[in-house]
Amino acid sequence: MRLPSQGGFQTETLPSGSTPARDAMPLTIYLQDESGAQLTWVEDPTDVLSRVLPEPGNRSYACLNNIDPYGDTIFNYLQAPRLAAEWNSLSDSPDDPDRARVLASVAKLIHELADRAHGPGVYLRFCGD
C-alpha cells in the first residue's frame, strides 16, 4: 500500500526481496492525528511483521497479540510504554537487514507516540489489508 504524499508527511518505503511467510497483505504502520491525517509511516513490503509478531491470542503480549493482519489496530499514547516494551522483546536478525530496518522504523514511531512528539491526539495505526 502506498500512502499519498502530502506536504510535511514523511514516507519510508522498505526494500523488497524476501518472501512473505503467509498470504496476508503486508502491514503499513503510521502515526495519525485525531482527524485521521497521516503524519509519518512505515511500509513493510516484504511482510517482515508476519514473521515476527506473536500469534493472536498469545497471552505473553497484551498489545502485540492484538494486531490484526487483516484489519486496523490502533494504539494511543497511554498504551505506548507497554507497546514499546513488547516491541523491544522482538529480536532482530543480523542476517536479515529488512527485518532490522522494519523493527527499528516501527520502534521509532512507537517512541514518537510515547513522547507525544506530534502533540496530543496522535495514534499509531497498524493497517492490514
C-alpha atoms as a PDB file:
ATOM      1  CA  MET A   1       0.000   0.000   0.000  1.00  0.00           C
ATOM      2  CA  ARG A   2       1.371   3.382  -0.938  1.00  0.00           C
ATOM      3  CA  LEU A   3       0.063   6.304   1.066  1.00  0.00           C
ATOM      4  CA  PRO A   4      -0.419   9.657  -0.631  1.00  0.00           C
ATOM      5  CA  SER A   5       2.393  12.100  -0.166  1.00  0.00           C
ATOM      6  CA  GLN A   6       1.236  15.393   1.260  1.00  0.00           C
ATOM      7  CA  GLY A   7       3.146  18.399   2.472  1.00  0.00           C
ATOM      8  CA  GLY A   8       5.073  17.745   5.677  1.00  0.00           C
ATOM      9  CA  PHE A   9       4.494  13.988   5.708  1.00  0.00           C
ATOM     10  CA  GLN A  10       7.412  11.599   5.648  1.00  0.00           C
ATOM     11  CA  THR A  11       7.411   8.379   3.681  1.00  0.00           C
ATOM     12  CA  GLU A  12       9.662   5.433   4.231  1.00  0.00           C
ATOM     13  CA  THR A  13       9.499   2.533   1.805  1.00  0.00           C
ATOM     14  CA  LEU A  14      11.485  -0.500   2.784  1.00  0.00           C
ATOM     15  CA  PRO A  15      13.283  -2.596   0.142  1.00  0.00           C
ATOM     16  CA  SER A  16      11.725  -5.787  -1.149  1.00  0.00           C
ATOM     17  CA  GLY A  17      13.464  -9.103  -1.642  1.00  0.00           C
ATOM     18  CA  SER A  18      12.198 -11.540   0.977  1.00  0.00           C
ATOM     19  CA  THR A  19       9.343 -13.958   0.581  1.00  0.00           C
ATOM     20  CA  PRO A  20       6.401 -13.417   2.941  1.00  0.00           C
ATOM     21  CA  ALA A  21       5.768 -16.183   5.463  1.00  0.00           C
ATOM     22  CA  ARG A  22       1.995 -16.221   4.794  1.00  0.00           C
ATOM     23  CA  ASP A  23      -0.567 -14.942   2.375  1.00  0.00           C
ATOM     24  CA  ALA A  24      -1.585 -11.867   4.404  1.00  0.00           C
ATOM     25  CA  MET A  25      -1.056  -8.465   2.879  1.00  0.00           C
ATOM     26  CA  PRO A  26       1.864  -6.567   4.394  1.00  0.00           C
ATOM     27  CA  LEU A  27       1.044  -4.047   7.086  1.00  0.00           C
ATOM     28  CA  THR A  28       1.505  -0.313   6.826  1.00  0.00           C
ATOM     29  CA  ILE A  29       2.096   1.406  10.156  1.00  0.00           C
ATOM     30  CA  TYR A  30       1.545   5.109  10.618  1.00  0.00           C
ATOM     31  CA  LEU A  31       1.049   7.872  13.122  1.00  0.00           C
ATOM     32  CA  GLN A  32      -2.194   9.744  12.592  1.00  0.00           C
ATOM     33  CA  ASP A  33      -3.831  12.686  14.251  1.00  0.00           C
ATOM     34  CA  GLU A  34      -7.390  12.804  15.559  1.00  0.00           C
ATOM     35  CA  SER A  35      -8.766  13.726  12.156  1.00  0.00           C
ATOM     36  CA  GLY A  36      -7.073  10.690  10.568  1.00  0.00           C
ATOM     37  CA  ALA A  37      -4.350  12.652   8.771  1.00  0.00           C
ATOM     38  CA  GLN A  38      -1.212  10.577   8.412  1.00  0.00           C
ATOM     39  CA  LEU A  39       1.829  12.224   9.985  1.00  0.00           C
ATOM     40  CA  THR A  40       4.537   9.672   9.220  1.00  0.00           C
ATOM     41  CA  TRP A  41       4.548   6.000   8.295  1.00  0.00           C
ATOM     42  CA  VAL A  42       6.472   2.809   7.657  1.00  0.00           C
ATOM     43  CA  GLU A  43       5.661   0.299   4.949  1.00  0.00           C
ATOM     44  CA  ASP A  44       6.522  -3.385   5.256  1.00  0.00           C
ATOM     45  CA  PRO A  45       6.557  -4.581   1.618  1.00  0.00           C
ATOM     46  CA  THR A  46       8.364  -7.842   2.409  1.00  0.00           C
ATOM     47  CA  ASP A  47       5.857  -8.703   5.166  1.00  0.00           C
ATOM     48  CA  VAL A  48       8.516  -8.902   7.879  1.00  0.00           C
ATOM     49  CA  LEU A  49       5.933  -8.361  10.606  1.00  0.00           C
ATOM     50  CA  SER A  50       4.037 -11.536   9.743  1.00  0.00           C
ATOM     51  CA  ARG A  51       7.206 -13.421  10.713  1.00  0.00           C
ATOM     52  CA  VAL A  52       7.958 -11.585  13.966  1.00  0.00           C
ATOM     53  CA  LEU A  53       4.620 -10.671  15.538  1.00  0.00           C
ATOM     54  CA  PRO A  54       3.172 -13.127  18.056  1.00  0.00           C
ATOM     55  CA  GLU A  55       0.141 -15.167  17.118  1.00  0.00           C
ATOM     56  CA  PRO A  56      -3.200 -13.577  18.012  1.00  0.00           C
ATOM     57  CA  GLY A  57      -4.225 -14.663  21.493  1.00  0.00           C
ATOM     58  CA  ASN A  58      -0.665 -15.167  22.769  1.00  0.00           C
ATOM     59  CA  ARG A  59      -1.139 -14.061  26.383  1.00  0.00           C
ATOM     60  CA  SER A  60       2.536 -13.118  26.751  1.00  0.00           C
ATOM     61  CA  TYR A  61       1.788  -9.963  24.777  1.00  0.00           C
ATOM     62  CA  ALA A  62      -1.021  -7.636  25.848  1.00  0.00           C
ATOM     63  CA  CYS A  63      -0.615  -5.296  22.860  1.00  0.00           C
ATOM     64  CA  LEU A  64       1.187  -7.104  20.052  1.00  0.00           C
ATOM     65  CA  ASN A  65      -1.095 -10.135  20.114  1.00  0.00           C
ATOM     66  CA  ASN A  66      -3.999  -7.858  19.172  1.00  0.00           C
ATOM     67  CA  ILE A  67      -2.516  -6.612  15.899  1.00  0.00           C
ATOM     68  CA  ASP A  68      -4.893  -7.772  13.191  1.00  0.00           C
ATOM     69  CA  PRO A  69      -3.089  -8.549   9.911  1.00  0.00           C
ATOM     70  CA  TYR A  70      -6.384  -8.214   8.012  1.00  0.00           C
ATOM     71  CA  GLY A  71      -7.775  -5.094   9.679  1.00  0.00           C
ATOM     72  CA  ASP A  72      -6.704  -1.963  11.512  1.00  0.00           C
ATOM     73  CA  THR A  73      -5.323  -1.869  15.046  1.00  0.00           C
ATOM     74  CA  ILE A  74      -4.892   1.474  16.830  1.00  0.00           C
ATOM     75  CA  PHE A  75      -2.790   2.353  19.890  1.00  0.00           C
ATOM     76  CA  ASN A  76      -2.760   5.603  21.869  1.00  0.00           C
ATOM     77  CA  TYR A  77      -0.008   7.248  23.918  1.00  0.00           C
ATOM     78  CA  LEU A  78      -1.213   5.592  27.147  1.00  0.00           C
ATOM     79  CA  GLN A  79      -0.538   2.180  25.596  1.00  0.00           C
ATOM     80  CA  ALA A  80       2.832   3.232  24.172  1.00  0.00           C
ATOM     81  CA  PRO A  81       5.060   2.222  27.136  1.00  0.00           C
ATOM     82  CA  ARG A  82       3.653  -1.331  27.172  1.00  0.00           C
ATOM     83  CA  LEU A  83       3.756  -1.490  23.379  1.00  0.00           C
ATOM     84  CA  ALA A  84       7.401  -0.322  23.387  1.00  0.00           C
ATOM     85  CA  ALA A  85       8.419  -2.950  25.957  1.00  0.00           C
ATOM     86  CA  GLU A  86       6.762  -5.698  23.934  1.00  0.00           C
ATOM     87  CA  TRP A  87       8.225  -4.376  20.678  1.00  0.00           C
ATOM     88  CA  ASN A  88      11.717  -4.343  22.186  1.00  0.00           C
ATOM     89  CA  SER A  89      11.322  -8.020  23.076  1.00  0.00           C
ATOM     90  CA  LEU A  90      11.086  -8.889  19.370  1.00  0.00           C
ATOM     91  CA  SER A  91      14.507  -9.925  18.212  1.00  0.00           C
ATOM     92  CA  ASP A  92      16.034  -8.719  15.003  1.00  0.00           C
ATOM     93  CA  SER A  93      18.306 -10.944  12.991  1.00  0.00           C
ATOM     94  CA  PRO A  94      21.776  -9.758  11.959  1.00  0.00           C
ATOM     95  CA  ASP A  95      21.458 -11.675   8.670  1.00  0.00           C
ATOM     96  CA  ASP A  96      18.090 -10.083   7.779  1.00  0.00           C
ATOM     97  CA  PRO A  97      18.546  -6.354   7.107  1.00  0.00           C
ATOM     98  CA  ASP A  98      14.867  -5.905   6.112  1.00  0.00           C
ATOM     99  CA  ARG A  99      13.782  -7.262   9.482  1.00  0.00           C
ATOM    100  CA  ALA A 100      16.152  -4.985  11.400  1.00  0.00           C
ATOM    101  CA  ARG A 101      15.038  -1.959   9.351  1.00  0.00           C
ATOM    102  CA  VAL A 102      11.303  -2.607   9.877  1.00  0.00           C
ATOM    103  CA  LEU A 103      11.682  -3.243  13.612  1.00  0.00           C
ATOM    104  CA  ALA A 104      13.792  -0.102  14.089  1.00  0.00           C
ATOM    105  CA  SER A 105      11.451   2.051  11.979  1.00  0.00           C
ATOM    106  CA  VAL A 106       8.343   0.967  13.872  1.00  0.00           C
ATOM    107  CA  ALA A 107      10.192   1.368  17.208  1.00  0.00           C
ATOM    108  CA  LYS A 108      10.814   4.986  16.204  1.00  0.00           C
ATOM    109  CA  LEU A 109       7.089   5.539  15.595  1.00  0.00           C
ATOM    110  CA  ILE A 110       6.254   3.979  18.977  1.00  0.00           C
ATOM    111  CA  HIS A 111       8.813   6.286  20.606  1.00  0.00           C
ATOM    112  CA  GLU A 112       7.240   9.316  18.884  1.00  0.00           C
ATOM    113  CA  LEU A 113       3.819   8.209  20.117  1.00  0.00           C
ATOM    114  CA  ALA A 114       5.078   7.767  23.696  1.00  0.00           C
ATOM    115  CA  ASP A 115       6.823  11.158  23.687  1.00  0.00           C
ATOM    116  CA  ARG A 116       3.792  12.804  22.118  1.00  0.00           C
ATOM    117  CA  ALA A 117       6.260  14.339  19.664  1.00  0.00           C
ATOM    118  CA  HIS A 118       3.419  15.355  17.342  1.00  0.00           C
ATOM    119  CA  GLY A 119       1.248  16.708  20.160  1.00  0.00           C
ATOM    120  CA  PRO A 120      -1.846  15.296  21.826  1.00  0.00           C
ATOM    121  CA  GLY A 121      -4.425  13.298  19.910  1.00  0.00           C
ATOM    122  CA  VAL A 122      -1.959  11.172  17.956  1.00  0.00           C
ATOM    123  CA  TYR A 123      -2.443   7.448  17.393  1.00  0.00           C
ATOM    124  CA  LEU A 124      -0.355   4.593  15.996  1.00  0.00           C
ATOM    125  CA  ARG A 125      -2.290   2.570  13.420  1.00  0.00           C
ATOM    126  CA  PHE A 126      -1.306  -0.832  12.076  1.00  0.00           C
ATOM    127  CA  CYS A 127      -3.175  -1.166   8.765  1.00  0.00           C
ATOM    128  CA  GLY A 128      -3.756  -4.629   7.385  1.00  0.00           C
ATOM    129  CA  ASP A 129      -5.264  -5.383   4.021  1.00  0.00           C
END
